[in-house]
N, C-alpha and C. Protein backbone atom coordinates (compact mmCIF):
# COMPACT_ATOMS: atom_id res chain seq x y z
N UNK A 1 40.95 -38.36 36.60
CA UNK A 1 40.88 -37.37 35.57
C UNK A 1 39.47 -36.80 35.49
N UNK A 2 39.42 -35.53 35.47
CA UNK A 2 38.13 -34.86 35.38
C UNK A 2 37.71 -34.78 33.91
N UNK A 3 36.46 -35.02 33.74
CA UNK A 3 35.92 -34.98 32.38
C UNK A 3 35.53 -33.54 32.06
N UNK A 4 36.04 -33.03 30.96
CA UNK A 4 35.74 -31.67 30.55
C UNK A 4 34.61 -31.72 29.53
N UNK A 5 33.54 -31.02 29.87
CA UNK A 5 32.41 -31.01 28.93
C UNK A 5 32.47 -29.74 28.10
N UNK A 6 32.00 -29.88 26.89
CA UNK A 6 31.96 -28.71 26.01
C UNK A 6 30.78 -27.83 26.39
N UNK A 7 31.03 -26.55 26.39
CA UNK A 7 29.96 -25.59 26.68
C UNK A 7 29.28 -25.24 25.36
N UNK A 8 27.98 -25.40 25.35
CA UNK A 8 27.23 -25.06 24.15
C UNK A 8 26.99 -23.56 24.11
N UNK A 9 27.30 -23.01 23.00
CA UNK A 9 27.07 -21.58 22.82
C UNK A 9 25.68 -21.37 22.23
N UNK A 10 25.06 -20.28 22.64
CA UNK A 10 23.75 -20.00 22.04
C UNK A 10 23.89 -19.67 20.55
N UNK A 11 22.89 -20.06 19.82
CA UNK A 11 22.91 -19.79 18.39
C UNK A 11 22.87 -18.28 18.15
N UNK A 12 23.70 -17.83 17.25
CA UNK A 12 23.74 -16.39 16.97
C UNK A 12 22.83 -16.03 15.80
N UNK A 13 22.45 -17.04 15.05
CA UNK A 13 21.58 -16.77 13.91
C UNK A 13 20.14 -16.68 14.39
N UNK A 14 19.40 -15.69 13.89
CA UNK A 14 18.01 -15.52 14.30
C UNK A 14 17.16 -16.63 13.70
N UNK A 15 15.98 -16.81 14.27
CA UNK A 15 15.08 -17.86 13.81
C UNK A 15 14.59 -17.59 12.40
N UNK A 16 14.32 -16.34 12.10
CA UNK A 16 13.85 -15.99 10.76
C UNK A 16 15.02 -15.52 9.92
N UNK A 17 14.73 -14.82 8.87
CA UNK A 17 15.77 -14.25 8.04
C UNK A 17 16.03 -12.82 8.48
N UNK A 18 16.61 -12.09 7.59
CA UNK A 18 16.87 -10.69 7.87
C UNK A 18 15.57 -9.90 7.87
N UNK A 19 15.48 -8.91 8.71
CA UNK A 19 14.28 -8.08 8.81
C UNK A 19 14.29 -6.91 7.83
N UNK A 20 15.45 -6.57 7.30
CA UNK A 20 15.57 -5.34 6.52
C UNK A 20 14.65 -5.29 5.31
N UNK A 21 14.35 -6.40 4.60
CA UNK A 21 13.43 -6.26 3.46
C UNK A 21 12.04 -5.76 3.87
N UNK A 22 11.58 -6.21 5.04
CA UNK A 22 10.28 -5.76 5.53
C UNK A 22 10.35 -4.30 6.00
N UNK A 23 11.44 -3.95 6.67
CA UNK A 23 11.60 -2.56 7.09
C UNK A 23 11.65 -1.64 5.86
N UNK A 24 12.31 -2.11 4.81
CA UNK A 24 12.40 -1.32 3.58
C UNK A 24 11.02 -1.08 2.98
N UNK A 25 10.17 -2.12 2.94
CA UNK A 25 8.81 -1.95 2.44
C UNK A 25 8.01 -0.97 3.28
N UNK A 26 8.11 -1.10 4.61
CA UNK A 26 7.40 -0.19 5.50
C UNK A 26 7.91 1.24 5.35
N UNK A 27 9.22 1.39 5.20
CA UNK A 27 9.82 2.71 5.03
C UNK A 27 9.37 3.35 3.71
N UNK A 28 9.30 2.57 2.64
CA UNK A 28 8.86 3.09 1.35
C UNK A 28 7.42 3.59 1.44
N UNK A 29 6.57 2.84 2.10
CA UNK A 29 5.18 3.26 2.24
C UNK A 29 5.09 4.48 3.14
N UNK A 30 5.90 4.54 4.19
CA UNK A 30 5.93 5.71 5.04
C UNK A 30 6.35 6.96 4.27
N UNK A 31 7.34 6.81 3.39
CA UNK A 31 7.78 7.94 2.56
C UNK A 31 6.67 8.39 1.61
N UNK A 32 5.93 7.43 1.07
CA UNK A 32 4.82 7.80 0.17
C UNK A 32 3.73 8.54 0.94
N UNK A 33 3.48 8.11 2.18
CA UNK A 33 2.49 8.82 3.00
C UNK A 33 2.94 10.24 3.30
N UNK A 34 4.23 10.40 3.58
CA UNK A 34 4.74 11.76 3.81
C UNK A 34 4.55 12.61 2.56
N UNK A 35 4.81 12.04 1.39
CA UNK A 35 4.61 12.77 0.14
C UNK A 35 3.15 13.12 -0.08
N UNK A 36 2.24 12.18 0.23
CA UNK A 36 0.81 12.44 0.07
C UNK A 36 0.34 13.54 1.02
N UNK A 37 0.83 13.50 2.25
CA UNK A 37 0.44 14.54 3.21
C UNK A 37 1.02 15.89 2.82
N UNK A 38 2.22 15.89 2.26
CA UNK A 38 2.81 17.14 1.76
C UNK A 38 1.94 17.73 0.65
N UNK A 39 1.55 16.89 -0.30
CA UNK A 39 0.70 17.38 -1.39
C UNK A 39 -0.64 17.88 -0.87
N UNK A 40 -1.17 17.21 0.14
CA UNK A 40 -2.48 17.60 0.66
C UNK A 40 -2.41 18.88 1.48
N UNK A 41 -1.48 18.96 2.42
CA UNK A 41 -1.48 20.07 3.37
C UNK A 41 -0.59 21.24 2.99
N UNK A 42 0.43 21.01 2.17
CA UNK A 42 1.31 22.11 1.76
C UNK A 42 0.91 22.62 0.37
N UNK A 43 0.67 21.70 -0.55
CA UNK A 43 0.29 22.08 -1.92
C UNK A 43 -1.22 22.19 -2.10
N UNK A 44 -1.98 21.91 -1.06
CA UNK A 44 -3.44 22.05 -1.03
C UNK A 44 -4.14 21.29 -2.14
N UNK A 45 -3.71 20.05 -2.36
CA UNK A 45 -4.37 19.17 -3.32
C UNK A 45 -5.18 18.14 -2.53
N UNK A 46 -6.48 18.35 -2.47
CA UNK A 46 -7.35 17.47 -1.71
C UNK A 46 -7.45 16.11 -2.41
N UNK A 47 -7.35 15.02 -1.66
CA UNK A 47 -7.45 13.69 -2.28
C UNK A 47 -8.90 13.39 -2.67
N UNK A 48 -9.05 12.74 -3.81
CA UNK A 48 -10.37 12.33 -4.29
C UNK A 48 -10.75 11.00 -3.62
N UNK A 49 -11.97 10.52 -3.82
CA UNK A 49 -12.37 9.25 -3.20
C UNK A 49 -11.46 8.07 -3.56
N UNK A 50 -11.07 7.95 -4.83
CA UNK A 50 -10.18 6.84 -5.20
C UNK A 50 -8.79 6.99 -4.59
N UNK A 51 -8.34 8.23 -4.41
CA UNK A 51 -7.06 8.46 -3.72
C UNK A 51 -7.14 7.96 -2.28
N UNK A 52 -8.28 8.21 -1.64
CA UNK A 52 -8.45 7.78 -0.25
C UNK A 52 -8.47 6.25 -0.15
N UNK A 53 -9.10 5.59 -1.11
CA UNK A 53 -9.09 4.12 -1.13
C UNK A 53 -7.66 3.63 -1.30
N UNK A 54 -6.91 4.24 -2.21
CA UNK A 54 -5.53 3.83 -2.42
C UNK A 54 -4.68 4.06 -1.18
N UNK A 55 -4.91 5.16 -0.49
CA UNK A 55 -4.19 5.42 0.77
C UNK A 55 -4.49 4.33 1.79
N UNK A 56 -5.75 3.94 1.86
CA UNK A 56 -6.13 2.88 2.80
C UNK A 56 -5.42 1.57 2.49
N UNK A 57 -5.35 1.23 1.21
CA UNK A 57 -4.66 0.00 0.81
C UNK A 57 -3.18 0.09 1.16
N UNK A 58 -2.56 1.23 0.85
CA UNK A 58 -1.15 1.41 1.21
C UNK A 58 -0.95 1.31 2.73
N UNK A 59 -1.89 1.86 3.50
CA UNK A 59 -1.77 1.82 4.97
C UNK A 59 -1.78 0.39 5.47
N UNK A 60 -2.68 -0.43 4.96
CA UNK A 60 -2.75 -1.83 5.40
C UNK A 60 -1.48 -2.57 4.96
N UNK A 61 -1.00 -2.29 3.74
CA UNK A 61 0.25 -2.91 3.30
C UNK A 61 1.41 -2.50 4.21
N UNK A 62 1.46 -1.22 4.57
CA UNK A 62 2.52 -0.74 5.46
C UNK A 62 2.47 -1.40 6.82
N UNK A 63 1.26 -1.58 7.35
CA UNK A 63 1.11 -2.25 8.65
C UNK A 63 1.59 -3.70 8.54
N UNK A 64 1.25 -4.38 7.44
CA UNK A 64 1.71 -5.76 7.27
C UNK A 64 3.23 -5.84 7.15
N UNK A 65 3.83 -4.92 6.40
CA UNK A 65 5.30 -4.88 6.33
C UNK A 65 5.89 -4.65 7.72
N UNK A 66 5.30 -3.75 8.49
CA UNK A 66 5.80 -3.45 9.83
C UNK A 66 5.67 -4.65 10.76
N UNK A 67 4.52 -5.30 10.74
CA UNK A 67 4.31 -6.49 11.57
C UNK A 67 5.31 -7.58 11.17
N UNK A 68 5.50 -7.77 9.87
CA UNK A 68 6.46 -8.78 9.41
C UNK A 68 7.87 -8.44 9.87
N UNK A 69 8.23 -7.17 9.85
CA UNK A 69 9.57 -6.77 10.31
C UNK A 69 9.74 -7.07 11.79
N UNK A 70 8.70 -6.82 12.57
CA UNK A 70 8.78 -7.09 14.00
C UNK A 70 8.74 -8.60 14.29
N UNK A 71 7.99 -9.32 13.50
CA UNK A 71 7.82 -10.77 13.68
C UNK A 71 9.04 -11.55 13.22
N UNK A 72 9.71 -11.07 12.17
CA UNK A 72 10.86 -11.76 11.58
C UNK A 72 10.49 -13.21 11.25
N UNK A 73 9.57 -13.39 10.31
CA UNK A 73 8.99 -14.72 10.08
C UNK A 73 9.92 -15.71 9.41
N UNK A 74 9.62 -16.99 9.66
CA UNK A 74 10.28 -18.07 8.94
C UNK A 74 9.55 -18.27 7.62
N UNK A 75 9.90 -19.31 6.91
CA UNK A 75 9.43 -19.52 5.54
C UNK A 75 7.91 -19.51 5.41
N UNK A 76 7.20 -20.28 6.23
CA UNK A 76 5.75 -20.39 6.08
C UNK A 76 5.06 -19.06 6.36
N UNK A 77 5.42 -18.40 7.45
CA UNK A 77 4.81 -17.11 7.77
C UNK A 77 5.22 -16.05 6.75
N UNK A 78 6.44 -16.13 6.24
CA UNK A 78 6.88 -15.18 5.21
C UNK A 78 6.03 -15.33 3.95
N UNK A 79 5.67 -16.56 3.62
CA UNK A 79 4.78 -16.79 2.47
C UNK A 79 3.41 -16.18 2.71
N UNK A 80 2.92 -16.28 3.93
CA UNK A 80 1.61 -15.70 4.26
C UNK A 80 1.67 -14.18 4.14
N UNK A 81 2.71 -13.58 4.71
CA UNK A 81 2.87 -12.13 4.58
C UNK A 81 2.99 -11.73 3.12
N UNK A 82 3.79 -12.45 2.37
CA UNK A 82 3.96 -12.15 0.95
C UNK A 82 2.65 -12.26 0.19
N UNK A 83 1.87 -13.31 0.49
CA UNK A 83 0.58 -13.48 -0.17
C UNK A 83 -0.37 -12.34 0.17
N UNK A 84 -0.46 -11.99 1.45
CA UNK A 84 -1.38 -10.92 1.86
C UNK A 84 -1.00 -9.57 1.27
N UNK A 85 0.29 -9.26 1.32
CA UNK A 85 0.74 -7.98 0.75
C UNK A 85 0.57 -8.00 -0.76
N UNK A 86 0.88 -9.13 -1.39
CA UNK A 86 0.68 -9.25 -2.83
C UNK A 86 -0.78 -9.12 -3.23
N UNK A 87 -1.68 -9.71 -2.43
CA UNK A 87 -3.11 -9.59 -2.70
C UNK A 87 -3.58 -8.14 -2.59
N UNK A 88 -3.13 -7.46 -1.55
CA UNK A 88 -3.47 -6.04 -1.40
C UNK A 88 -2.91 -5.22 -2.56
N UNK A 89 -1.70 -5.53 -2.97
CA UNK A 89 -1.10 -4.82 -4.10
C UNK A 89 -1.92 -5.05 -5.37
N UNK A 90 -2.41 -6.27 -5.55
CA UNK A 90 -3.23 -6.59 -6.72
C UNK A 90 -4.53 -5.77 -6.69
N UNK A 91 -5.16 -5.68 -5.53
CA UNK A 91 -6.36 -4.85 -5.39
C UNK A 91 -6.02 -3.38 -5.66
N UNK A 92 -4.89 -2.94 -5.14
CA UNK A 92 -4.45 -1.56 -5.37
C UNK A 92 -4.21 -1.27 -6.84
N UNK A 93 -3.65 -2.24 -7.57
CA UNK A 93 -3.45 -2.07 -9.01
C UNK A 93 -4.80 -1.87 -9.68
N UNK A 94 -5.81 -2.62 -9.27
CA UNK A 94 -7.15 -2.47 -9.85
C UNK A 94 -7.73 -1.10 -9.59
N UNK A 95 -7.60 -0.61 -8.35
CA UNK A 95 -8.13 0.71 -8.00
C UNK A 95 -7.37 1.80 -8.76
N UNK A 96 -6.05 1.69 -8.80
CA UNK A 96 -5.25 2.69 -9.51
C UNK A 96 -5.56 2.67 -11.01
N UNK A 97 -5.75 1.47 -11.56
CA UNK A 97 -6.08 1.37 -12.99
C UNK A 97 -7.43 2.03 -13.27
N UNK A 98 -8.40 1.83 -12.39
CA UNK A 98 -9.70 2.49 -12.57
C UNK A 98 -9.53 4.01 -12.50
N UNK A 99 -8.72 4.48 -11.57
CA UNK A 99 -8.46 5.91 -11.42
C UNK A 99 -7.83 6.48 -12.69
N UNK A 100 -6.86 5.77 -13.23
CA UNK A 100 -6.20 6.21 -14.47
C UNK A 100 -7.22 6.23 -15.61
N UNK A 101 -8.07 5.21 -15.67
CA UNK A 101 -9.09 5.14 -16.72
C UNK A 101 -10.03 6.34 -16.63
N UNK A 102 -10.48 6.68 -15.40
CA UNK A 102 -11.37 7.83 -15.22
C UNK A 102 -10.68 9.12 -15.67
N UNK A 103 -9.38 9.24 -15.36
CA UNK A 103 -8.66 10.45 -15.75
C UNK A 103 -8.50 10.58 -17.26
N UNK A 104 -8.59 9.48 -17.96
CA UNK A 104 -8.41 9.54 -19.41
C UNK A 104 -9.73 9.48 -20.18
N UNK A 105 -10.85 9.53 -19.47
CA UNK A 105 -12.15 9.59 -20.14
C UNK A 105 -12.35 10.95 -20.79
N UNK A 106 -13.11 11.00 -21.88
CA UNK A 106 -13.49 12.31 -22.42
C UNK A 106 -14.33 13.06 -21.38
N UNK A 107 -14.24 14.38 -21.42
CA UNK A 107 -14.91 15.20 -20.39
C UNK A 107 -16.40 14.91 -20.26
N UNK A 108 -17.07 14.58 -21.37
CA UNK A 108 -18.51 14.34 -21.31
C UNK A 108 -18.87 12.98 -20.71
N UNK A 109 -17.89 12.09 -20.50
CA UNK A 109 -18.15 10.77 -19.94
C UNK A 109 -17.68 10.62 -18.50
N UNK A 110 -17.11 11.67 -17.93
CA UNK A 110 -16.61 11.63 -16.56
C UNK A 110 -17.80 11.54 -15.59
N UNK A 111 -17.75 10.67 -14.58
CA UNK A 111 -18.84 10.59 -13.62
C UNK A 111 -19.03 11.92 -12.89
N UNK A 112 -20.24 12.17 -12.45
CA UNK A 112 -20.54 13.41 -11.73
C UNK A 112 -19.82 13.42 -10.39
N UNK A 113 -19.51 14.62 -9.91
CA UNK A 113 -18.90 14.75 -8.58
C UNK A 113 -19.95 14.42 -7.53
N UNK A 114 -19.56 13.63 -6.58
CA UNK A 114 -20.49 13.25 -5.51
C UNK A 114 -20.24 14.09 -4.28
N UNK A 115 -20.98 13.77 -3.20
CA UNK A 115 -20.75 14.49 -1.94
C UNK A 115 -19.38 14.14 -1.38
N UNK A 116 -18.89 14.99 -0.49
CA UNK A 116 -17.59 14.77 0.14
C UNK A 116 -17.59 13.54 1.04
N UNK A 117 -16.41 13.03 1.31
CA UNK A 117 -16.26 11.83 2.13
C UNK A 117 -16.81 12.05 3.54
N UNK A 118 -16.52 13.19 4.14
CA UNK A 118 -17.03 13.48 5.49
C UNK A 118 -18.55 13.41 5.53
N UNK A 119 -19.19 14.01 4.54
CA UNK A 119 -20.65 14.02 4.46
C UNK A 119 -21.18 12.59 4.30
N UNK A 120 -20.54 11.82 3.41
CA UNK A 120 -21.00 10.45 3.18
C UNK A 120 -20.87 9.60 4.44
N UNK A 121 -19.75 9.75 5.16
CA UNK A 121 -19.55 8.95 6.37
C UNK A 121 -20.58 9.27 7.44
N UNK A 122 -21.01 10.53 7.51
CA UNK A 122 -21.99 10.93 8.52
C UNK A 122 -23.41 10.53 8.15
N UNK A 123 -23.74 10.51 6.85
CA UNK A 123 -25.13 10.39 6.44
C UNK A 123 -25.48 9.13 5.65
N UNK A 124 -24.51 8.38 5.18
CA UNK A 124 -24.80 7.21 4.36
C UNK A 124 -24.42 5.94 5.11
N UNK A 125 -25.09 4.82 4.80
CA UNK A 125 -24.62 3.52 5.33
C UNK A 125 -23.23 3.21 4.75
N UNK A 126 -22.44 2.45 5.51
CA UNK A 126 -21.07 2.17 5.10
C UNK A 126 -21.02 1.46 3.75
N UNK A 127 -21.98 0.61 3.44
CA UNK A 127 -21.97 -0.08 2.15
C UNK A 127 -22.09 0.93 1.00
N UNK A 128 -22.93 1.96 1.18
CA UNK A 128 -23.07 3.00 0.15
C UNK A 128 -21.79 3.83 0.03
N UNK A 129 -21.16 4.11 1.17
CA UNK A 129 -19.91 4.89 1.16
C UNK A 129 -18.84 4.12 0.39
N UNK A 130 -18.69 2.82 0.69
CA UNK A 130 -17.68 2.02 -0.01
C UNK A 130 -17.97 1.93 -1.50
N UNK A 131 -19.23 1.77 -1.86
CA UNK A 131 -19.59 1.68 -3.28
C UNK A 131 -19.25 3.00 -3.98
N UNK A 132 -19.57 4.13 -3.35
CA UNK A 132 -19.26 5.43 -3.95
C UNK A 132 -17.76 5.67 -4.06
N UNK A 133 -17.02 5.24 -3.03
CA UNK A 133 -15.57 5.42 -3.07
C UNK A 133 -14.96 4.63 -4.22
N UNK A 134 -15.42 3.39 -4.41
CA UNK A 134 -14.86 2.54 -5.46
C UNK A 134 -15.31 2.99 -6.85
N UNK A 135 -16.44 3.63 -6.93
CA UNK A 135 -16.97 4.05 -8.23
C UNK A 135 -16.17 5.23 -8.78
N UNK A 136 -15.71 6.09 -7.92
CA UNK A 136 -14.99 7.28 -8.36
C UNK A 136 -15.97 8.39 -8.67
N UNK A 137 -15.45 9.57 -8.88
CA UNK A 137 -16.31 10.72 -9.17
C UNK A 137 -15.55 11.70 -10.05
N UNK A 138 -16.19 12.83 -10.30
CA UNK A 138 -15.57 13.86 -11.14
C UNK A 138 -14.26 14.37 -10.58
N UNK A 139 -14.16 14.39 -9.25
CA UNK A 139 -12.90 14.84 -8.64
C UNK A 139 -11.75 13.92 -9.03
N UNK A 140 -12.07 12.65 -9.24
CA UNK A 140 -11.04 11.67 -9.60
C UNK A 140 -10.48 11.91 -10.99
N UNK A 141 -11.23 12.63 -11.83
CA UNK A 141 -10.78 12.89 -13.20
C UNK A 141 -9.79 14.04 -13.28
N UNK A 142 -9.72 14.84 -12.22
CA UNK A 142 -8.80 15.98 -12.24
C UNK A 142 -7.36 15.48 -12.10
N UNK A 143 -6.51 16.02 -12.95
CA UNK A 143 -5.10 15.67 -12.88
C UNK A 143 -4.38 16.76 -12.12
N UNK A 144 -3.71 16.37 -11.07
CA UNK A 144 -3.00 17.34 -10.25
C UNK A 144 -1.50 17.23 -10.46
N UNK A 145 -0.79 16.96 -9.40
CA UNK A 145 0.66 16.87 -9.37
C UNK A 145 1.15 15.78 -10.32
N UNK A 146 2.26 16.06 -11.00
CA UNK A 146 2.90 15.07 -11.86
C UNK A 146 4.40 15.07 -11.63
N UNK A 147 5.00 13.94 -11.91
CA UNK A 147 6.45 13.79 -11.88
C UNK A 147 6.81 12.91 -13.07
N UNK A 148 7.70 13.38 -13.92
CA UNK A 148 8.07 12.68 -15.14
C UNK A 148 6.84 12.38 -16.00
N UNK A 149 5.92 13.31 -16.00
CA UNK A 149 4.69 13.25 -16.78
C UNK A 149 3.73 12.14 -16.31
N UNK A 150 3.95 11.61 -15.12
CA UNK A 150 3.04 10.63 -14.54
C UNK A 150 2.35 11.26 -13.34
N UNK A 151 1.04 11.07 -13.24
CA UNK A 151 0.28 11.60 -12.12
C UNK A 151 0.29 10.67 -10.93
N UNK A 152 -0.43 11.06 -9.91
CA UNK A 152 -0.47 10.28 -8.67
C UNK A 152 -1.00 8.86 -8.90
N UNK A 153 -2.09 8.66 -9.67
CA UNK A 153 -2.56 7.29 -9.86
C UNK A 153 -1.54 6.41 -10.60
N UNK A 154 -0.82 6.99 -11.55
CA UNK A 154 0.19 6.20 -12.26
C UNK A 154 1.33 5.80 -11.32
N UNK A 155 1.75 6.75 -10.48
CA UNK A 155 2.80 6.42 -9.52
C UNK A 155 2.31 5.41 -8.49
N UNK A 156 1.04 5.50 -8.13
CA UNK A 156 0.48 4.51 -7.21
C UNK A 156 0.50 3.13 -7.85
N UNK A 157 0.14 3.05 -9.12
CA UNK A 157 0.15 1.78 -9.83
C UNK A 157 1.55 1.18 -9.85
N UNK A 158 2.53 2.00 -10.18
CA UNK A 158 3.92 1.54 -10.19
C UNK A 158 4.33 1.06 -8.79
N UNK A 159 3.94 1.82 -7.77
CA UNK A 159 4.30 1.46 -6.39
C UNK A 159 3.65 0.16 -5.96
N UNK A 160 2.38 -0.04 -6.32
CA UNK A 160 1.71 -1.30 -5.98
C UNK A 160 2.43 -2.49 -6.62
N UNK A 161 2.78 -2.35 -7.88
CA UNK A 161 3.46 -3.45 -8.58
C UNK A 161 4.82 -3.73 -7.92
N UNK A 162 5.60 -2.69 -7.67
CA UNK A 162 6.93 -2.88 -7.08
C UNK A 162 6.84 -3.46 -5.66
N UNK A 163 5.95 -2.91 -4.84
CA UNK A 163 5.84 -3.40 -3.46
C UNK A 163 5.29 -4.82 -3.40
N UNK A 164 4.32 -5.13 -4.26
CA UNK A 164 3.78 -6.49 -4.30
C UNK A 164 4.84 -7.49 -4.74
N UNK A 165 5.59 -7.15 -5.78
CA UNK A 165 6.67 -8.03 -6.24
C UNK A 165 7.75 -8.17 -5.17
N UNK A 166 8.06 -7.06 -4.49
CA UNK A 166 9.07 -7.08 -3.42
C UNK A 166 8.64 -8.04 -2.31
N UNK A 167 7.39 -7.95 -1.87
CA UNK A 167 6.90 -8.82 -0.78
C UNK A 167 6.95 -10.28 -1.20
N UNK A 168 6.57 -10.56 -2.43
CA UNK A 168 6.59 -11.96 -2.89
C UNK A 168 8.02 -12.47 -3.08
N UNK A 169 8.91 -11.60 -3.53
CA UNK A 169 10.32 -11.98 -3.67
C UNK A 169 10.92 -12.29 -2.31
N UNK A 170 10.62 -11.49 -1.31
CA UNK A 170 11.11 -11.74 0.04
C UNK A 170 10.59 -13.09 0.55
N UNK A 171 9.30 -13.36 0.28
CA UNK A 171 8.71 -14.62 0.74
C UNK A 171 9.38 -15.81 0.05
N UNK A 172 9.67 -15.70 -1.23
CA UNK A 172 10.30 -16.80 -1.96
C UNK A 172 11.72 -17.00 -1.47
N UNK A 173 12.44 -15.92 -1.20
CA UNK A 173 13.83 -16.04 -0.73
C UNK A 173 13.91 -16.71 0.64
N UNK A 174 12.87 -16.56 1.45
CA UNK A 174 12.89 -17.14 2.80
C UNK A 174 12.56 -18.62 2.80
N UNK A 175 11.98 -19.13 1.71
CA UNK A 175 11.61 -20.54 1.73
C UNK A 175 12.70 -21.43 1.18
């Protein structure tokens, strides 16, 4: 009698969890970038220094969401991604809150407008450029586009909170 051995089938379940939560985060940030570029190039609303800092934070968050989607992490790596994205979101909340505060200052207390970002990058040391960007300027006090009576900094604040919570929720669900 011939002995019949069972054939082992390859596991169909992936090593990590589902990738869609990370793709969703990256897609949301991509949509926000499209909206920001539309406002800049079609509606001709130039971003202020604090807007540029917020864009940079969103860009790094988007890259982390994208890397996580490609990596499809297990529990430990998902916690690291969640922590990093959450930390960036926390920093973004601080920058957006400062931007909102500047926009609500009385006109006589608004910081003076500084030189443009291009000029600063060409002529100032990077430490001075970063300090000026984080400080904000008179351009940051101007209120431009609004939706539901909320301006860009308010929507950025909401987005940072939602995306940070989303990343941490995904990390907790994977553990």
